[in-house]
Amino acid sequence: MGLTTIDATSIPPDGRLNSPASLAFFVGNPPQQMQIFTGTVAIALKSRRKVEHETVRIVLGSGTSHAKACSKVDLASITNSDSEFIFAVDTNTAEIDAVTGIITLVTVSAR
């Protein structure tokens, strides 16, 4: 299983992260901050004619002391029957570091 880490807060920006954006606003009573992160990640994957898994960690960098998180990855799969190529997202989670409050999106894909 491979591991790729992309830091969305790096300067200069990581070239594999395209059009990153975020939105923060308050909801509810008492007010709580909601944060939405969006963007596209492009990574190079090599197939060895067998199913392998790749973990991609995207450090979103929003520090918070009290957080709940959910995540959604929109791409389900890409297939090509001519070359027997398959790329699919298996799982995705949002992790929050207990010490720093940094949010990281973790996606595991199969290829």
Protein backbone atom coordinates (compact mmCIF):
# COMPACT_ATOMS: atom_id res chain seq x y z
CA MET A 1 0.00 0.00 0.00
CA GLY A 2 1.41 3.38 -1.01
CA LEU A 3 1.09 6.64 0.89
CA THR A 4 0.88 10.15 -0.56
CA THR A 5 0.62 13.24 1.65
CA ILE A 6 -0.46 16.60 0.26
CA ASP A 7 -0.41 19.74 2.41
CA ALA A 8 -3.15 22.14 1.33
CA THR A 9 -1.55 24.93 3.38
CA SER A 10 1.95 24.72 1.87
CA ILE A 11 3.57 27.78 0.30
CA PRO A 12 4.15 27.54 -2.59
CA PRO A 13 1.01 25.45 -3.18
CA ASP A 14 1.38 21.75 -3.90
CA GLY A 15 0.92 21.30 -7.67
CA ARG A 16 -1.16 18.14 -7.18
CA LEU A 17 -3.92 20.11 -5.43
CA ASN A 18 -6.02 22.07 -7.93
CA SER A 19 -8.37 24.96 -7.10
CA PRO A 20 -8.47 24.54 -3.32
CA ALA A 21 -11.11 26.63 -1.59
CA SER A 22 -12.72 26.86 1.82
CA LEU A 23 -15.77 28.49 3.31
CA ALA A 24 -16.46 29.14 7.00
CA PHE A 25 -19.67 30.38 8.59
CA PHE A 26 -21.64 30.09 11.83
CA VAL A 27 -24.82 28.02 12.26
CA GLY A 28 -27.14 27.17 15.14
CA ASN A 29 -27.82 28.54 18.58
CA PRO A 30 -25.39 28.66 20.30
CA PRO A 31 -23.43 29.41 17.13
CA GLN A 32 -20.92 26.84 15.91
CA GLN A 33 -18.54 27.33 13.03
CA MET A 34 -19.00 25.14 9.95
CA GLN A 35 -16.09 24.80 7.53
CA ILE A 36 -16.32 23.43 4.00
CA PHE A 37 -13.19 22.49 2.04
CA THR A 38 -13.19 21.74 -1.67
CA GLY A 39 -10.64 21.04 -4.38
CA THR A 40 -9.32 18.45 -6.80
CA VAL A 41 -6.29 16.23 -6.28
CA ALA A 42 -4.37 14.81 -9.25
CA ILE A 43 -1.82 12.11 -8.50
CA ALA A 44 0.06 9.72 -10.76
CA LEU A 45 -0.74 6.04 -10.24
CA LYS A 46 1.04 3.10 -11.84
CA SER A 47 -0.68 -0.22 -12.37
CA ARG A 48 1.18 -3.48 -11.95
CA ARG A 49 -1.69 -5.58 -13.34
CA LYS A 50 -3.01 -6.35 -9.86
CA VAL A 51 -5.28 -4.52 -7.42
CA GLU A 52 -3.28 -2.31 -5.09
CA HIS A 53 -4.34 0.34 -2.58
CA GLU A 54 -3.05 3.89 -2.30
CA THR A 55 -3.65 6.12 0.72
CA VAL A 56 -3.84 9.85 0.03
CA ARG A 57 -3.68 12.20 3.03
CA ILE A 58 -4.62 15.84 2.44
CA VAL A 59 -3.71 18.12 5.34
CA LEU A 60 -6.42 20.79 5.36
CA GLY A 61 -4.72 22.75 8.14
CA SER A 62 -7.67 24.20 10.01
CA GLY A 63 -6.83 24.13 13.71
CA THR A 64 -9.68 23.80 16.16
CA SER A 65 -10.04 22.66 19.76
CA HIS A 66 -13.61 21.34 19.51
CA ALA A 67 -14.39 19.62 16.25
CA LYS A 68 -16.62 17.08 14.66
CA ALA A 69 -15.98 16.08 11.08
CA CYS A 70 -17.48 14.31 8.14
CA SER A 71 -16.09 13.81 4.66
CA LYS A 72 -17.32 13.09 1.16
CA VAL A 73 -15.38 12.13 -1.94
CA ASP A 74 -17.35 12.46 -5.16
CA LEU A 75 -15.40 10.26 -7.57
CA ALA A 76 -16.59 6.67 -7.22
CA SER A 77 -14.59 4.93 -9.97
CA ILE A 78 -13.00 5.13 -13.42
CA THR A 79 -12.70 2.04 -15.61
CA ASN A 80 -11.31 1.28 -19.05
CA SER A 81 -12.21 -2.17 -20.38
CA ASP A 82 -9.65 -1.95 -23.23
CA SER A 83 -6.70 -1.74 -20.83
CA GLU A 84 -8.36 -3.35 -17.79
CA PHE A 85 -7.59 -0.15 -15.85
CA ILE A 86 -9.68 0.46 -12.73
CA PHE A 87 -9.43 3.30 -10.23
CA ALA A 88 -11.93 3.44 -7.38
CA VAL A 89 -12.25 5.24 -4.06
CA ASP A 90 -12.61 2.62 -1.31
CA THR A 91 -12.96 4.76 1.81
CA ASN A 92 -12.52 8.30 3.03
CA THR A 93 -12.43 9.77 6.52
CA ALA A 94 -11.65 13.05 8.20
CA GLU A 95 -9.10 12.83 11.01
CA ILE A 96 -8.61 15.51 13.65
CA ASP A 97 -5.29 15.65 15.51
CA ALA A 98 -6.08 15.61 19.24
CA VAL A 99 -3.18 17.94 20.08
CA THR A 100 -3.12 20.49 17.21
CA GLY A 101 -6.72 20.27 15.97
CA ILE A 102 -5.43 20.00 12.39
CA ILE A 103 -7.98 18.34 10.06
CA THR A 104 -6.70 15.77 7.53
CA LEU A 105 -8.76 14.10 4.81
CA VAL A 106 -7.68 10.47 4.32
CA THR A 107 -8.79 8.60 1.19
CA VAL A 108 -7.92 5.03 0.27
CA SER A 109 -8.20 4.15 -3.41
CA ALA A 110 -7.85 0.91 -5.34
CA ARG A 111 -6.11 0.70 -8.68
